[in-house]
C-alpha atoms as a PDB file:
ATOM      1  CA  MET A   1      56.117 140.547 144.024  1.00  0.00           C
ATOM      2  CA  GLY A   2      58.317 142.374 146.367  1.00  0.00           C
ATOM      3  CA  LEU A   3      57.402 145.451 148.586  1.00  0.00           C
ATOM      4  CA  LEU A   4      58.106 147.756 145.957  1.00  0.00           C
ATOM      5  CA  GLY A   5      56.057 145.748 142.990  1.00  0.00           C
ATOM      6  CA  VAL A   6      53.299 145.872 145.555  1.00  0.00           C
ATOM      7  CA  TRP A   7      53.413 149.538 145.943  1.00  0.00           C
ATOM      8  CA  ILE A   8      53.962 150.036 142.359  1.00  0.00           C
ATOM      9  CA  HIS A   9      50.487 147.806 141.549  1.00  0.00           C
ATOM     10  CA  LYS A  10      48.418 149.390 144.185  1.00  0.00           C
ATOM     11  CA  TYR A  11      49.570 152.990 142.959  1.00  0.00           C
ATOM     12  CA  LYS A  12      48.812 152.224 139.144  1.00  0.00           C
ATOM     13  CA  MET A  13      45.381 150.434 140.080  1.00  0.00           C
ATOM     14  CA  ALA A  14      44.294 153.647 142.505  1.00  0.00           C
ATOM     15  CA  ARG A  15      45.360 155.701 139.338  1.00  0.00           C
ATOM     16  CA  LYS A  16      43.951 154.162 136.303  1.00  0.00           C
ATOM     17  CA  PRO A  17      42.813 150.867 137.201  1.00  0.00           C
ATOM     18  CA  VAL A  18      41.463 150.126 133.540  1.00  0.00           C
ATOM     19  CA  ALA A  19      44.345 150.971 131.703  1.00  0.00           C
ATOM     20  CA  TYR A  20      46.967 149.441 134.077  1.00  0.00           C
ATOM     21  CA  LEU A  21      44.938 145.872 133.843  1.00  0.00           C
ATOM     22  CA  ARG A  22      45.019 146.294 130.106  1.00  0.00           C
ATOM     23  CA  SER A  23      48.634 146.442 130.139  1.00  0.00           C
ATOM     24  CA  LEU A  24      48.818 143.485 131.943  1.00  0.00           C
ATOM     25  CA  GLY A  25      46.686 141.285 129.500  1.00  0.00           C
ATOM     26  CA  VAL A  26      43.296 141.708 130.764  1.00  0.00           C
ATOM     27  CA  LYS A  27      40.755 141.882 128.221  1.00  0.00           C
ATOM     28  CA  ILE A  28      38.219 144.909 129.792  1.00  0.00           C
ATOM     29  CA  GLY A  29      35.149 146.217 127.795  1.00  0.00           C
ATOM     30  CA  GLU A  30      33.927 149.913 128.252  1.00  0.00           C
ATOM     31  CA  HIS A  31      32.642 151.619 131.244  1.00  0.00           C
ATOM     32  CA  CYS A  32      33.825 149.405 133.931  1.00  0.00           C
ATOM     33  CA  SER A  33      34.223 150.505 137.404  1.00  0.00           C
ATOM     34  CA  ILE A  34      37.362 148.251 139.114  1.00  0.00           C
ATOM     35  CA  ALA A  35      37.865 149.309 142.813  1.00  0.00           C
ATOM     36  CA  SER A  36      41.630 149.566 143.305  1.00  0.00           C
ATOM     37  CA  ASN A  37      42.060 146.425 145.918  1.00  0.00           C
ATOM     38  CA  VAL A  38      40.773 144.130 143.459  1.00  0.00           C
ATOM     39  CA  GLN A  39      43.226 140.963 142.921  1.00  0.00           C
ATOM     40  CA  PHE A  40      43.641 139.795 139.600  1.00  0.00           C
ATOM     41  CA  GLY A  41      46.199 136.787 140.426  1.00  0.00           C
ATOM     42  CA  SER A  42      49.329 135.881 138.748  1.00  0.00           C
ATOM     43  CA  GLU A  43      47.752 135.300 135.545  1.00  0.00           C
ATOM     44  CA  PRO A  44      45.979 138.510 134.533  1.00  0.00           C
ATOM     45  CA  TYR A  45      45.920 137.822 130.755  1.00  0.00           C
ATOM     46  CA  MET A  46      43.450 134.990 131.426  1.00  0.00           C
ATOM     47  CA  ILE A  47      40.748 137.199 132.499  1.00  0.00           C
ATOM     48  CA  THR A  48      37.787 138.751 130.174  1.00  0.00           C
ATOM     49  CA  ILE A  49      35.869 141.553 131.511  1.00  0.00           C
ATOM     50  CA  GLY A  50      32.800 142.729 129.393  1.00  0.00           C
ATOM     51  CA  ASP A  51      31.328 145.941 129.388  1.00  0.00           C
ATOM     52  CA  HIS A  52      29.652 147.793 132.315  1.00  0.00           C
ATOM     53  CA  VAL A  53      30.996 145.645 134.931  1.00  0.00           C
ATOM     54  CA  ARG A  54      31.622 146.835 138.744  1.00  0.00           C
ATOM     55  CA  LEU A  55      34.126 144.625 140.420  1.00  0.00           C
ATOM     56  CA  THR A  56      33.998 146.041 143.972  1.00  0.00           C
ATOM     57  CA  GLU A  57      36.320 146.057 147.221  1.00  0.00           C
ATOM     58  CA  ASN A  58      38.271 143.188 147.667  1.00  0.00           C
ATOM     59  CA  VAL A  59      36.945 141.203 144.593  1.00  0.00           C
ATOM     60  CA  ARG A  60      39.336 138.326 144.052  1.00  0.00           C
ATOM     61  CA  LEU A  61      39.823 136.600 140.583  1.00  0.00           C
ATOM     62  CA  VAL A  62      41.730 133.211 140.721  1.00  0.00           C
ATOM     63  CA  THR A  63      43.135 131.747 137.267  1.00  0.00           C
ATOM     64  CA  HIS A  64      45.040 128.580 138.670  1.00  0.00           C
ATOM     65  CA  ASP A  65      44.172 125.506 140.947  1.00  0.00           C
ATOM     66  CA  GLY A  66      46.350 125.885 144.337  1.00  0.00           C
ATOM     67  CA  GLY A  67      45.710 122.139 145.098  1.00  0.00           C
ATOM     68  CA  LEU A  68      48.384 120.900 143.001  1.00  0.00           C
ATOM     69  CA  TRP A  69      50.723 121.791 145.746  1.00  0.00           C
ATOM     70  CA  VAL A  70      49.426 118.834 147.515  1.00  0.00           C
ATOM     71  CA  VAL A  71      49.361 116.697 144.468  1.00  0.00           C
ATOM     72  CA  ARG A  72      52.920 117.439 143.265  1.00  0.00           C
ATOM     73  CA  ASP A  73      54.346 115.980 146.842  1.00  0.00           C
ATOM     74  CA  LEU A  74      52.316 112.988 146.158  1.00  0.00           C
ATOM     75  CA  LYS A  75      52.653 111.798 142.584  1.00  0.00           C
ATOM     76  CA  GLU A  76      56.102 112.436 141.013  1.00  0.00           C
ATOM     77  CA  GLU A  77      54.427 112.587 137.683  1.00  0.00           C
ATOM     78  CA  TYR A  78      52.816 115.647 138.645  1.00  0.00           C
ATOM     79  CA  ASN A  79      56.157 117.466 140.297  1.00  0.00           C
ATOM     80  CA  ASN A  80      55.643 120.362 137.546  1.00  0.00           C
ATOM     81  CA  ALA A  81      52.075 120.029 136.956  1.00  0.00           C
ATOM     82  CA  ASP A  82      49.923 123.159 137.207  1.00  0.00           C
ATOM     83  CA  ILE A  83      46.078 123.785 136.249  1.00  0.00           C
ATOM     84  CA  PHE A  84      44.919 127.064 134.750  1.00  0.00           C
ATOM     85  CA  MET A  85      41.608 128.006 133.737  1.00  0.00           C
ATOM     86  CA  PRO A  86      40.261 131.522 132.146  1.00  0.00           C
ATOM     87  CA  ILE A  87      37.569 133.585 133.539  1.00  0.00           C
ATOM     88  CA  VAL A  88      35.251 135.113 131.733  1.00  0.00           C
ATOM     89  CA  ILE A  89      32.520 138.437 133.058  1.00  0.00           C
ATOM     90  CA  GLY A  90      29.959 139.000 130.848  1.00  0.00           C
ATOM     91  CA  ASN A  91      28.185 142.673 130.215  1.00  0.00           C
ATOM     92  CA  ASN A  92      26.522 144.504 132.530  1.00  0.00           C
ATOM     93  CA  VAL A  93      27.521 142.526 136.016  1.00  0.00           C
ATOM     94  CA  HIS A  94      27.868 143.731 139.648  1.00  0.00           C
ATOM     95  CA  VAL A  95      30.357 141.539 141.635  1.00  0.00           C
ATOM     96  CA  GLY A  96      29.899 142.313 145.393  1.00  0.00           C
ATOM     97  CA  VAL A  97      32.771 143.187 147.957  1.00  0.00           C
ATOM     98  CA  ASN A  98      34.919 139.968 149.199  1.00  0.00           C
ATOM     99  CA  SER A  99      33.611 137.799 146.415  1.00  0.00           C
ATOM    100  CA  ILE A 100      36.099 135.374 144.893  1.00  0.00           C
ATOM    101  CA  ILE A 101      35.815 133.882 141.261  1.00  0.00           C
ATOM    102  CA  MET A 102      37.429 130.875 140.855  1.00  0.00           C
ATOM    103  CA  PRO A 103      39.154 129.269 137.907  1.00  0.00           C
ATOM    104  CA  GLY A 104      37.125 128.325 134.666  1.00  0.00           C
ATOM    105  CA  VAL A 105      33.939 130.058 135.842  1.00  0.00           C
ATOM    106  CA  THR A 106      31.923 132.152 133.223  1.00  0.00           C
ATOM    107  CA  ILE A 107      29.424 134.684 134.658  1.00  0.00           C
ATOM    108  CA  GLY A 108      26.899 135.585 132.160  1.00  0.00           C
ATOM    109  CA  ASN A 109      24.960 139.164 131.084  1.00  0.00           C
ATOM    110  CA  ASN A 110      23.153 140.802 133.371  1.00  0.00           C
ATOM    111  CA  VAL A 111      24.280 139.327 136.960  1.00  0.00           C
ATOM    112  CA  ILE A 112      24.528 140.417 140.405  1.00  0.00           C
ATOM    113  CA  ILE A 113      27.005 138.447 142.552  1.00  0.00           C
ATOM    114  CA  GLY A 114      26.271 139.137 146.287  1.00  0.00           C
ATOM    115  CA  CYS A 115      28.946 140.331 148.712  1.00  0.00           C
ATOM    116  CA  GLY A 116      31.320 137.231 149.883  1.00  0.00           C
ATOM    117  CA  ALA A 117      30.085 134.848 147.070  1.00  0.00           C
ATOM    118  CA  VAL A 118      32.726 132.372 146.345  1.00  0.00           C
ATOM    119  CA  VAL A 119      31.577 131.506 142.983  1.00  0.00           C
ATOM    120  CA  THR A 120      32.855 128.065 141.576  1.00  0.00           C
ATOM    121  CA  LYS A 121      30.709 127.485 138.822  1.00  0.00           C
ATOM    122  CA  ASP A 122      29.195 129.117 135.916  1.00  0.00           C
ATOM    123  CA  ILE A 123      26.296 131.659 136.499  1.00  0.00           C
ATOM    124  CA  PRO A 124      23.745 132.021 133.609  1.00  0.00           C
ATOM    125  CA  ASP A 125      22.469 135.330 132.481  1.00  0.00           C
ATOM    126  CA  ASN A 126      20.124 137.491 134.336  1.00  0.00           C
ATOM    127  CA  SER A 127      20.569 135.737 137.527  1.00  0.00           C
ATOM    128  CA  VAL A 128      21.426 137.034 141.045  1.00  0.00           C
ATOM    129  CA  ALA A 129      23.827 134.646 142.820  1.00  0.00           C
ATOM    130  CA  VAL A 130      25.007 134.601 146.468  1.00  0.00           C
ATOM    131  CA  GLY A 131      26.666 132.092 148.893  1.00  0.00           C
ATOM    132  CA  VAL A 132      29.462 130.167 149.463  1.00  0.00           C
ATOM    133  CA  PRO A 133      29.279 128.381 147.334  1.00  0.00           C
ATOM    134  CA  ALA A 134      27.616 130.712 145.200  1.00  0.00           C
ATOM    135  CA  ARG A 135      24.034 129.710 143.906  1.00  0.00           C
ATOM    136  CA  VAL A 136      21.720 131.376 141.833  1.00  0.00           C
ATOM    137  CA  ILE A 137      18.691 132.505 144.034  1.00  0.00           C
ATOM    138  CA  GLU A 138      16.440 134.589 141.526  1.00  0.00           C
ATOM    139  CA  THR A 139      16.403 136.379 138.344  1.00  0.00           C
ATOM    140  CA  VAL A 140      17.224 140.047 137.615  1.00  0.00           C
ATOM    141  CA  ASP A 141      13.665 140.657 137.186  1.00  0.00           C
ATOM    142  CA  GLU A 142      12.513 138.901 140.358  1.00  0.00           C
ATOM    143  CA  TYR A 143      15.112 141.364 142.391  1.00  0.00           C
ATOM    144  CA  ILE A 144      13.731 144.234 140.574  1.00  0.00           C
ATOM    145  CA  GLU A 145      10.338 143.479 141.593  1.00  0.00           C
ATOM    146  CA  LYS A 146      11.261 142.497 145.173  1.00  0.00           C
ATOM    147  CA  ASN A 147      13.234 145.760 145.808  1.00  0.00           C
ATOM    148  CA  LYS A 148      11.095 148.290 143.936  1.00  0.00           C
ATOM    149  CA  ASP A 149       9.591 150.035 146.821  1.00  0.00           C
ATOM    150  CA  LYS A 150      12.902 150.436 148.451  1.00  0.00           C
ATOM    151  CA  TYR A 151      14.600 152.397 145.383  1.00  0.00           C
ATOM    152  CA  ILE A 152      15.801 155.897 146.311  1.00  0.00           C
ATOM    153  CA  ASP A 153      16.745 158.415 143.844  1.00  0.00           C
ATOM    154  CA  THR A 154      20.095 159.188 144.644  1.00  0.00           C
ATOM    155  CA  LYS A 155      22.329 158.219 142.249  1.00  0.00           C
ATOM    156  CA  ASN A 156      23.473 161.781 140.714  1.00  0.00           C
ATOM    157  CA  LEU A 157      23.136 163.675 144.151  1.00  0.00           C
ATOM    158  CA  SER A 158      25.980 165.383 146.019  1.00  0.00           C
ATOM    159  CA  GLY A 159      26.882 163.580 149.367  1.00  0.00           C
ATOM    160  CA  GLU A 160      25.371 166.139 151.388  1.00  0.00           C
ATOM    161  CA  GLU A 161      22.026 166.004 149.358  1.00  0.00           C
ATOM    162  CA  LYS A 162      22.154 162.231 149.483  1.00  0.00           C
ATOM    163  CA  ARG A 163      22.859 162.316 153.535  1.00  0.00           C
ATOM    164  CA  LYS A 164      19.400 164.679 154.043  1.00  0.00           C
ATOM    165  CA  ILE A 165      17.375 162.356 152.142  1.00  0.00           C
ATOM    166  CA  LEU A 166      18.422 159.366 153.713  1.00  0.00           C
ATOM    167  CA  GLU A 167      18.287 161.208 157.202  1.00  0.00           C
ATOM    168  CA  LYS A 168      14.580 161.549 156.464  1.00  0.00           C
ATOM    169  CA  LYS A 169      13.709 158.093 155.614  1.00  0.00           C
END
């Protein structure tokens, strides 16, 4: 993609990311939040995203195996070979900042992927997964229980109202 293509992509992602991604073939459910700098790779049409999914800053979804760059040079019969695998993200999923979802991964429903995770294997429903490579560390119910004393009701407040509450803490 040339410089103009990169600019157009960023512009469209910033304005209406879901509509733009659907035009590229990404299958996206309802009520999704997708940061403008999420990267959908060279085969976005191989990606399926459920309802109520949030992909935060710098998330990357990779649908092809780049390792064949080396194999093609070693084995003539693989000169033109590629490996492509779809990515499926279920409903009610949060993918943290700087995470990478690798080819062939399915992320279940009600899943939290921690910041910086590299998801190389399927993540089951109702799980919290973190790390490199990502691994399940707890259920969503365990996450709720562990954090229940930390919750602060600020979701629908203005920035100023939120700041006042947080500065008191």
